[in-house]
Every structure is written in C-alpha cells, then in structure tokens.
Protein backbone atom coordinates (compact mmCIF):
# COMPACT_ATOMS: atom_id res chain seq x y z
CA MET A 1 -9.77 -97.53 -45.93
CA SER A 2 -9.99 -95.29 -42.51
CA LEU A 3 -6.49 -95.70 -40.49
CA ARG A 4 -4.86 -94.44 -37.14
CA ILE A 5 -2.04 -92.58 -37.83
CA ALA A 6 0.16 -90.84 -35.15
CA LEU A 7 2.29 -87.66 -35.73
CA PHE A 8 5.39 -86.96 -33.97
CA THR A 9 6.83 -83.37 -33.96
CA ASP A 10 10.13 -82.00 -32.65
CA SER A 11 8.32 -78.63 -32.82
CA TYR A 12 4.56 -77.81 -32.53
CA LEU A 13 2.33 -74.82 -31.18
CA PRO A 14 2.58 -72.23 -29.44
CA THR A 15 5.91 -72.24 -31.88
CA VAL A 16 4.78 -71.80 -35.41
CA ASP A 17 7.37 -72.45 -38.38
CA GLY A 18 7.04 -74.56 -41.21
CA VAL A 19 7.15 -78.05 -39.73
CA VAL A 20 4.33 -77.17 -37.05
CA ASN A 21 2.20 -75.57 -40.49
CA SER A 22 3.35 -79.06 -42.27
CA VAL A 23 1.39 -80.88 -39.40
CA LEU A 24 -1.26 -79.00 -38.55
CA THR A 25 -2.26 -78.69 -42.55
CA THR A 26 -1.28 -83.08 -43.01
CA ARG A 27 -3.45 -83.53 -39.75
CA ARG A 28 -6.47 -81.24 -40.75
CA GLU A 29 -6.74 -82.78 -44.17
CA LEU A 30 -6.57 -86.40 -43.44
CA GLU A 31 -8.95 -85.85 -40.31
CA ALA A 32 -11.12 -84.36 -43.01
CA ARG A 33 -10.80 -87.73 -45.04
CA GLY A 34 -11.88 -89.83 -42.28
CA HIS A 35 -8.76 -91.21 -40.95
CA ARG A 36 -7.77 -90.90 -36.68
CA VAL A 37 -4.90 -88.68 -36.03
CA PHE A 38 -3.03 -88.35 -32.84
CA VAL A 39 0.08 -86.30 -32.48
CA PHE A 40 2.78 -86.56 -29.99
CA ALA A 41 5.21 -83.02 -29.43
CA PRO A 42 7.19 -81.87 -26.84
CA GLU A 43 5.41 -79.62 -23.95
CA ASP A 44 6.20 -75.72 -23.75
CA PRO A 45 7.65 -75.35 -20.22
CA SER A 46 6.99 -71.79 -20.11
CA ASN A 47 3.20 -72.45 -21.30
CA GLY A 48 1.67 -74.10 -17.93
CA HIS A 49 -0.41 -77.61 -18.55
CA HIS A 50 -2.27 -77.56 -22.08
CA THR A 51 -4.69 -79.71 -23.84
CA GLU A 52 -5.76 -80.37 -27.12
CA PRO A 53 -7.84 -83.14 -28.48
CA ASN A 54 -5.90 -86.44 -29.65
CA THR A 55 -2.57 -84.38 -28.68
CA PHE A 56 -0.14 -86.12 -26.38
CA TYR A 57 2.40 -83.87 -24.81
CA VAL A 58 5.67 -84.98 -24.17
CA LYS A 59 7.88 -83.56 -21.19
CA ALA A 60 10.60 -81.37 -22.17
CA LYS A 61 12.97 -78.58 -21.78
CA ALA A 62 13.60 -75.49 -23.51
CA PHE A 63 16.24 -75.18 -25.91
CA ARG A 64 17.77 -71.84 -25.03
CA ARG A 65 19.86 -71.59 -28.22
CA TYR A 66 16.56 -71.22 -30.23
CA PRO A 67 13.50 -69.55 -28.41
CA GLY A 68 10.54 -71.68 -28.92
CA TYR A 69 12.20 -74.76 -29.76
CA ARG A 70 11.66 -77.64 -26.92
CA LEU A 71 13.85 -80.74 -26.36
CA ALA A 72 12.11 -83.98 -25.56
CA ILE A 73 14.84 -85.35 -23.49
CA PHE A 74 12.77 -86.98 -20.74
CA PRO A 75 11.65 -90.49 -20.64
CA GLY A 76 8.17 -90.90 -20.85
CA HIS A 77 5.15 -93.04 -21.43
CA GLU A 78 5.03 -92.94 -25.10
CA ILE A 79 5.31 -96.57 -26.22
CA ASP A 80 2.18 -97.43 -23.75
CA GLU A 81 0.34 -94.71 -25.30
CA VAL A 82 1.08 -95.96 -28.68
CA ASN A 83 0.44 -99.60 -27.89
CA ALA A 84 -3.38 -98.24 -26.28
CA LEU A 85 -3.89 -96.12 -29.46
CA ASP A 86 -3.41 -99.21 -32.20
CA LEU A 87 -2.07 -97.75 -34.18
CA ASP A 88 -1.51 -98.49 -38.19
CA ILE A 89 1.35 -95.95 -39.17
CA ILE A 90 3.87 -93.82 -37.08
CA HIS A 91 4.60 -90.59 -38.96
CA SER A 92 7.43 -88.59 -37.93
CA HIS A 93 7.90 -84.76 -39.09
CA GLY A 94 11.21 -84.53 -36.64
CA ILE A 95 14.68 -86.03 -37.04
CA GLY A 96 15.43 -84.89 -33.02
CA PHE A 97 14.36 -86.52 -29.54
CA MET A 98 10.49 -86.88 -31.09
CA GLY A 99 12.22 -88.60 -34.07
CA ILE A 100 14.04 -91.02 -31.64
CA LYS A 101 10.80 -91.71 -29.67
CA GLY A 102 8.71 -92.25 -32.70
CA ILE A 103 11.56 -94.71 -34.15
CA TRP A 104 11.75 -96.60 -30.99
CA CYS A 105 7.82 -96.60 -30.62
CA SER A 106 7.58 -98.12 -33.46
CA TRP A 107 10.18 -101.10 -32.93
CA ALA A 108 7.94 -102.02 -29.94
CA THR A 109 4.90 -101.88 -31.39
CA LYS A 110 5.54 -103.16 -34.56
CA THR A 111 4.15 -100.31 -36.46
CA PRO A 112 5.38 -98.83 -39.72
CA PHE A 113 7.58 -96.05 -39.40
CA VAL A 114 7.63 -93.33 -42.44
CA GLN A 115 10.16 -89.97 -41.85
CA THR A 116 9.17 -86.82 -43.88
CA TYR A 117 12.53 -84.96 -43.49
CA HIS A 118 11.89 -81.46 -43.31
CA THR A 119 14.57 -79.74 -41.87
CA LEU A 120 18.54 -79.03 -42.57
CA VAL A 121 19.69 -79.18 -39.35
CA GLN A 122 23.54 -79.40 -40.09
CA GLU A 123 22.93 -75.90 -41.74
CA ALA A 124 21.36 -74.27 -39.24
CA MET A 125 23.88 -75.93 -36.36
CA PRO A 126 26.37 -72.57 -36.90
CA PHE A 127 23.40 -70.12 -35.52
CA TYR A 128 22.33 -72.54 -32.97
CA SER A 129 24.93 -75.12 -31.40
CA PRO A 130 26.65 -74.41 -28.15
CA ILE A 131 29.47 -71.78 -27.88
CA GLY A 132 32.98 -73.58 -28.06
CA LEU A 133 32.06 -77.20 -29.75
CA ASN A 134 33.55 -77.80 -32.75
CA LEU A 135 31.66 -77.51 -35.67
CA HIS A 136 33.19 -79.97 -38.44
CA LEU A 137 33.17 -82.36 -35.79
CA LEU A 138 29.78 -81.84 -34.98
CA GLU A 139 28.57 -81.74 -38.55
CA ARG A 140 30.51 -85.26 -39.01
CA GLY A 141 28.49 -86.64 -36.00
CA LEU A 142 25.13 -85.14 -37.27
CA ARG A 143 25.49 -86.78 -40.64
CA LEU A 144 26.78 -89.94 -39.27
CA TYR A 145 23.23 -90.00 -37.11
CA LEU A 146 21.03 -89.05 -39.90
CA ARG A 147 22.55 -91.70 -41.84
CA VAL A 148 21.73 -94.52 -39.06
CA PHE A 149 18.31 -92.97 -38.60
CA LEU A 150 16.73 -92.69 -42.01
CA ASN A 151 18.18 -96.13 -42.92
CA ARG A 152 16.34 -97.21 -39.80
CA CYS A 153 12.78 -95.79 -41.47
CA ALA A 154 10.78 -98.13 -43.39
CA GLY A 155 9.97 -95.09 -45.48
CA VAL A 156 11.43 -91.68 -45.99
CA VAL A 157 9.22 -88.72 -47.56
CA VAL A 158 10.70 -85.57 -49.00
CA PRO A 159 9.08 -82.41 -49.95
CA THR A 160 11.14 -81.48 -53.24
CA ARG A 161 13.57 -83.19 -55.29
CA ALA A 162 16.32 -80.58 -54.21
CA ILE A 163 15.88 -82.54 -50.63
CA LEU A 164 15.56 -85.96 -52.42
CA ARG A 165 19.08 -85.29 -53.42
CA GLU A 166 20.20 -84.28 -50.52
CA VAL A 167 19.02 -87.49 -48.52
CA LEU A 168 20.42 -89.82 -50.75
CA SER A 169 23.49 -88.43 -50.21
CA LEU A 170 23.41 -88.30 -46.68
CA ALA A 171 21.70 -91.95 -46.37
CA PRO A 172 22.00 -93.82 -50.03
CA THR A 173 20.35 -96.91 -49.10
CA ALA A 174 17.35 -94.98 -47.56
CA ARG A 175 13.87 -96.36 -48.68
CA ILE A 176 12.74 -93.76 -50.64
CA SER A 177 8.67 -93.35 -50.28
CA GLY A 178 7.86 -90.20 -52.44
CA VAL A 179 8.33 -86.47 -53.30
CA ILE A 180 5.42 -85.26 -51.27
CA PRO A 181 5.18 -81.63 -50.69
CA THR A 182 2.63 -80.37 -47.82
CA GLY A 183 -0.30 -79.17 -50.08
CA ILE A 184 -1.95 -75.52 -50.26
CA ASP A 185 -5.76 -75.23 -49.61
CA PRO A 186 -6.41 -73.24 -52.74
CA ASN A 187 -9.60 -72.54 -51.31
CA ARG A 188 -8.07 -70.51 -48.49
CA PHE A 189 -5.34 -68.59 -50.60
CA HIS A 190 -7.32 -67.61 -53.99
CA PRO A 191 -6.98 -64.17 -56.15
CA GLY A 192 -10.51 -63.32 -55.25
CA LEU A 193 -9.64 -62.19 -51.42
CA ASN A 194 -9.37 -58.37 -50.50
CA GLY A 195 -6.50 -57.42 -48.72
CA TYR A 196 -7.63 -53.73 -48.41
CA SER A 197 -8.17 -54.32 -44.57
CA VAL A 198 -4.59 -55.07 -44.23
CA ARG A 199 -3.35 -52.35 -46.46
CA SER A 200 -5.33 -49.60 -44.33
CA GLN A 201 -4.12 -51.17 -41.17
CA TRP A 202 -0.42 -50.74 -42.01
CA GLY A 203 -0.76 -47.50 -44.28
CA LEU A 204 -0.08 -49.23 -47.49
CA ASN A 205 -2.81 -47.83 -49.48
CA GLY A 206 -1.21 -46.21 -52.70
CA HIS A 207 2.12 -48.15 -52.25
CA ASP A 208 3.62 -51.13 -54.12
CA VAL A 209 4.08 -53.70 -51.40
CA PHE A 210 6.11 -56.54 -51.52
CA LEU A 211 5.26 -59.39 -48.56
CA HIS A 212 7.46 -61.46 -46.69
CA VAL A 213 6.45 -64.22 -44.58
CA GLY A 214 8.06 -66.44 -42.13
CA ARG A 215 10.05 -66.71 -39.02
CA ILE A 216 12.50 -64.11 -38.09
CA SER A 217 15.50 -66.20 -37.91
CA PRO A 218 18.84 -66.26 -39.63
CA GLU A 219 18.63 -69.22 -41.66
CA LYS A 220 15.85 -67.10 -43.62
CA ASN A 221 18.27 -64.88 -44.87
CA LEU A 222 16.20 -61.79 -44.41
CA SER A 223 19.29 -59.26 -44.44
CA THR A 224 19.56 -59.76 -48.11
CA VAL A 225 16.05 -58.73 -48.45
CA ILE A 226 16.48 -55.68 -46.00
CA ASN A 227 19.68 -54.68 -47.92
CA ALA A 228 18.07 -54.88 -51.10
CA PHE A 229 15.33 -52.40 -50.50
CA PRO A 230 17.19 -49.16 -51.12
CA HIS A 231 18.10 -50.25 -54.45
CA VAL A 232 14.26 -50.81 -54.74
CA ARG A 233 13.15 -47.60 -53.16
CA LYS A 234 15.56 -45.68 -55.65
CA GLU A 235 13.52 -46.89 -58.72
CA ASN A 236 10.59 -47.20 -57.19
CA PRO A 237 10.24 -44.58 -54.31
CA ASP A 238 6.14 -45.66 -53.37
CA ALA A 239 7.59 -49.35 -52.53
CA LYS A 240 7.21 -51.04 -48.79
CA LEU A 241 8.06 -53.82 -47.49
CA LEU A 242 5.90 -55.81 -45.09
CA ILE A 243 7.47 -58.61 -42.71
CA VAL A 244 5.07 -61.19 -41.12
CA GLY A 245 5.96 -63.37 -38.47
CA SER A 246 8.48 -63.14 -35.24
CA GLY A 247 11.27 -65.25 -34.03
CA PRO A 248 15.11 -64.69 -32.50
CA TYR A 249 16.22 -62.15 -34.60
CA MET A 250 13.11 -59.57 -34.43
CA ASP A 251 15.65 -57.04 -32.79
CA ARG A 252 18.92 -57.70 -34.81
CA TYR A 253 16.82 -56.90 -38.25
CA TYR A 254 14.83 -54.21 -36.74
CA ASP A 255 18.14 -52.48 -35.85
CA LEU A 256 19.18 -53.29 -39.07
CA VAL A 257 16.31 -51.71 -40.85
CA ARG A 258 16.95 -48.48 -38.45
CA LYS A 259 20.64 -48.15 -39.68
CA ARG A 260 19.55 -48.29 -42.97
CA GLY A 261 16.97 -45.41 -42.66
CA LEU A 262 14.06 -47.33 -43.98
CA LEU A 263 11.65 -47.28 -40.48
CA GLY A 264 8.19 -46.82 -41.68
CA GLU A 265 9.31 -48.09 -45.23
CA ILE A 266 9.86 -51.73 -44.26
CA ILE A 267 7.29 -52.73 -41.59
CA PHE A 268 7.54 -55.62 -38.85
CA THR A 269 3.87 -56.62 -38.02
CA GLY A 270 4.90 -59.24 -35.54
CA PHE A 271 2.86 -62.64 -35.36
CA VAL A 272 -0.39 -63.04 -37.70
CA PRO A 273 -2.86 -65.69 -36.74
CA ASP A 274 -3.16 -68.27 -39.34
CA SER A 275 -6.86 -67.02 -39.69
CA GLU A 276 -5.35 -63.76 -41.07
CA LEU A 277 -2.89 -64.60 -43.38
CA PRO A 278 -4.68 -65.21 -46.69
CA LYS A 279 -5.71 -61.00 -46.16
CA TYR A 280 -2.20 -60.36 -46.01
CA TYR A 281 -1.18 -62.17 -48.99
CA ALA A 282 -3.95 -60.67 -51.05
CA ALA A 283 -2.57 -57.23 -49.60
CA CYS A 284 0.55 -57.31 -51.46
CA ASP A 285 1.73 -56.85 -54.94
CA ALA A 286 4.87 -59.15 -54.99
CA PHE A 287 6.13 -61.75 -52.64
CA VAL A 288 9.68 -62.18 -51.98
CA THR A 289 11.97 -64.22 -49.85
CA ALA A 290 15.61 -64.98 -50.03
CA SER A 291 16.08 -67.71 -47.75
CA ARG A 292 18.93 -70.50 -48.75
CA PHE A 293 17.13 -73.18 -46.32
CA GLU A 294 14.09 -73.81 -47.85
CA THR A 295 13.22 -77.67 -48.03
CA GLN A 296 10.08 -76.60 -49.50
CA GLY A 297 8.53 -72.72 -48.83
CA LEU A 298 4.89 -73.22 -48.05
CA VAL A 299 4.86 -69.35 -48.44
CA VAL A 300 6.09 -69.50 -51.71
CA LEU A 301 2.84 -71.76 -53.09
CA GLU A 302 0.28 -69.90 -50.90
CA ALA A 303 1.53 -66.55 -52.42
CA LEU A 304 1.35 -67.90 -56.09
CA ALA A 305 -2.18 -69.71 -55.29
CA THR A 306 -3.12 -65.64 -54.50
CA GLY A 307 -1.99 -64.83 -57.73
CA LYS A 308 1.10 -63.11 -56.55
CA PRO A 309 4.51 -63.57 -58.49
CA VAL A 310 7.46 -64.30 -56.33
CA ALA A 311 10.97 -63.28 -56.43
CA GLY A 312 12.69 -65.72 -54.72
CA ALA A 313 16.49 -67.08 -54.00
CA ASN A 314 17.83 -69.56 -56.99
CA ALA A 315 18.51 -71.91 -54.06
CA ARG A 316 17.43 -75.67 -52.76
CA ALA A 317 13.55 -76.20 -53.09
CA ILE A 318 12.41 -72.70 -54.31
CA PRO A 319 13.46 -72.91 -58.18
CA GLU A 320 11.17 -76.28 -57.59
CA PHE A 321 8.25 -74.04 -57.81
CA ILE A 322 9.39 -70.14 -59.27
CA GLU A 323 9.95 -70.35 -63.06
CA ASP A 324 11.98 -67.40 -63.92
CA GLY A 325 10.08 -64.77 -66.22
CA ARG A 326 6.78 -66.95 -65.80
CA ASN A 327 5.35 -66.85 -62.37
CA GLY A 328 8.39 -64.78 -60.70
CA PHE A 329 11.85 -64.14 -60.80
CA LEU A 330 14.99 -65.92 -59.00
CA PHE A 331 17.96 -64.36 -58.00
CA ASP A 332 21.41 -64.99 -56.33
CA PRO A 333 20.57 -65.34 -52.42
CA SER A 334 23.72 -63.30 -51.45
CA ASP A 335 23.56 -60.31 -53.71
CA PRO A 336 21.20 -57.62 -52.32
CA ARG A 337 21.41 -55.52 -55.96
CA ALA A 338 20.38 -58.81 -57.88
CA ALA A 339 17.22 -59.29 -55.60
CA ALA A 340 16.34 -55.98 -55.76
CA ARG A 341 15.96 -56.52 -59.88
CA ALA A 342 14.37 -59.40 -59.16
CA MET A 343 11.76 -57.55 -57.13
CA LEU A 344 11.26 -54.68 -59.38
CA GLN A 345 10.75 -57.12 -62.19
CA THR A 346 7.98 -58.71 -60.05
CA LEU A 347 6.45 -55.67 -59.73
CA GLU A 348 6.51 -54.61 -63.50
CA HIS A 349 4.71 -57.89 -64.27
CA ARG A 350 2.52 -58.72 -61.73
CA ASP A 351 -0.54 -58.54 -63.72
CA GLU A 352 0.70 -60.98 -66.61
CA MET A 353 2.10 -63.53 -63.86
CA ARG A 354 -1.09 -63.55 -61.93
CA GLU A 355 -2.52 -66.71 -63.98
CA SER A 356 0.30 -68.46 -64.35
CA ALA A 357 1.20 -68.21 -60.33
CA ARG A 358 -2.11 -69.63 -59.93
CA ARG A 359 -2.04 -72.73 -62.20
CA THR A 360 1.72 -73.34 -60.59
CA ALA A 361 -0.06 -73.63 -57.24
CA LEU A 362 -2.97 -75.65 -57.95
CA ALA A 363 -0.63 -78.32 -58.85
CA TYR A 364 0.37 -79.07 -55.23
CA SER A 365 -3.23 -78.59 -53.95
CA ILE A 366 -3.44 -80.19 -50.54
CA ASP A 367 -6.16 -82.62 -51.86
CA ARG A 368 -3.33 -83.92 -54.44
CA CYS A 369 -0.24 -83.70 -51.83
CA THR A 370 -2.64 -86.27 -49.24
CA GLU A 371 -3.60 -88.69 -51.62
CA ARG A 372 -0.54 -89.63 -52.50
CA LEU A 373 0.53 -89.71 -48.66
CA GLU A 374 -2.55 -91.67 -47.81
CA THR A 375 -0.70 -94.05 -50.81
CA VAL A 376 2.34 -94.07 -49.00
CA TYR A 377 0.47 -95.38 -45.74
CA SER A 378 -1.56 -97.79 -47.68
CA ASP A 379 1.62 -99.13 -49.25
CA LEU A 380 3.51 -99.52 -45.41
CA ALA A 381 0.59 -100.38 -43.39
CA GLY A 382 0.04 -103.49 -46.09
C-alpha cells in the first residue's frame, strides 16, 4: 500500500549531520518503494531562497551557538499545508521546534504521529547553551519537556537498544514502536570499491590510513583520537589519519594537531560530498571514532559495509555494532592510550576482520530497516 508521509526535521541541507543523512536516506528509500514523501524543514536564512521538490521550508532563525543549525521559532502555515497533502503519517526526526510543529499538525489534522529519537539534546547543552544559564535547571526542564513530548507521540522509534533504555528512563510510558536504525546501502558501500584516487589526492599511497568521518564538533570527542595518534605513530611511523567533515570546532582541532606536531600526519579534508564518501572508506585501512554521543553511528555501519574494521568508543550505541575482536576493537573514549591500542589492533587484524565487518553491516541494510519502518507506518495508519 502506497502511503503519503511527511518527515519533519530540525536540521536539513545545506547542513550535513547524522539526522540529515537519516532523513535523506529514509526519504530516498521510501520513494523508491512507491510512497509519496514530503519534507518539512527550517530554511537556511543565510542561503537565500531555495526550492526542492516536495520540500516545505519553514521560516527560521540561525542558532549562533551552533553554526549550521536553525530554529523554526516563527508561526507558519504548516497546518494548511499538511491538510492539503492528505497525509497518512507524520514522522518527526527532531524534538525541537519542528518536532513541536509536527505534533501540532498531527493534532490539528488527526494524522498519526511517530517520532524517531535521534539526538541526546540534554548532553549537548554544555557545548551549545547560552552563556549564563544554570545548566542543572536547564537539564531538569528539558527532561520534563521530553517526557511530555514523547508521551504525546502515537509511536516512538529508537535507532538502538542503548537509546531505548535512555528513552524509557525519560518517559517510561512512551509507546515504543520499534528499534529501527537508519539502514545503509550495501551496494554503495562495499569491499570492492577502489580508493586509489583518494589515496593519491591526499598523498596516502604507501601508508596505513585511519579514517574519521563526521561533523567536527565537541560532542564527537575527536580530541581523544588526535591525542592517541602520537602513540600510534610511535608503533607505526607510516600511519596517517584522514579526518573528513566540517563543523564549528574545525579551527580548534586544527590547532591541537599543530601543537602536537602532527600537521601532515593528520589531514583535514573539510566537507566531502556524499557521492564521494564511499571512495574515502575504500581508501582507509581502518575506521576510528571516540564519540560518546552516538545514538546509532551511521558512519560505523558504512565503514563495516566497506569491509573495514572499526576502533570505536565503548559507549552508547557503538558496542551494538562492534564486537570486540571480531569486526573491530572497543576502547575507553576518555583514554587516548587505550584508543591507540585499539587502532593498532585494527591494523593488525584488518584482513581477517573484513568478512565479519561486511556481514555485520548487511544485517542493517536500508531495505531491511525500511521494511520494518513501513510496518510501523501501517500499524499507526490503521
């Protein structure tokens, strides 16, 4: 049965982060399966007027504390637009202003509302909250808001079991519809890809290469990986680290690399188009992330799908995909030396882990995950 679905999101292009990638991936696969998908997203005030088929841009204000993020604080015509679309489901990917607009549209139009809980907002507050606010009081207020918000949803989807536990601690009576991660496309990310052009572009031929992909922001804990790298180089002088992405902490981490004397050994590529990413995974020997913040970690699955072992933080969602000693190695994300040991172990065992890495990722293919999401939609649409 073909459904008419609206995806509400607090972050969207031109910003690229995990939520945006999830929205784009979900939209693409749902449309390929015959559904009509409409996106409601905050406009980018700095980017002028832009259009995209079946996308409704909501007037928004830039959030100065987090470059690239917009706040849809203004009243709009979303209810009229939703009414005209004759939707079967509203699926929200944000718990900010767009999430509120989505749940309001759901109530006004009697359209079932499902929420995917992506982001641990309460843990990002120390980095991005306005200066001078009492963080303890702010966190208590946010937890109360989240409890009310989640209990208002007809269904709540979580990407991993780790986040299921956290959601149930916030809102024990929330109606959980399923544990459904954003799937990866195993035809885009696979071990047969050739990364020679990327290695040549960045001078990596003849080197063992670690890859980090993600927004360059404090919650990704990239400092642990950077501080681990001198210990890696001590054991493997030919090792290089390629950091793909952009974000508000780019200058700060570049300065840290310079102070550690690692310029040329740690390479920042800046933003890389999505179409080019598979070649970057193919160009590395192992993937690394020290993030404690991951509700899923889509980049981990993309690396595994390409047959690359992962040195990953033993925190939140990452251990659900990385089995220590089988497709990668886990480490304490606060300990650079432990990170270095895990990174070196992935290099040592990269060949024998290739098949296990790929096999793990296939269990989370976009096809399988979207089928489960369709079941949630059908149940709620009735």
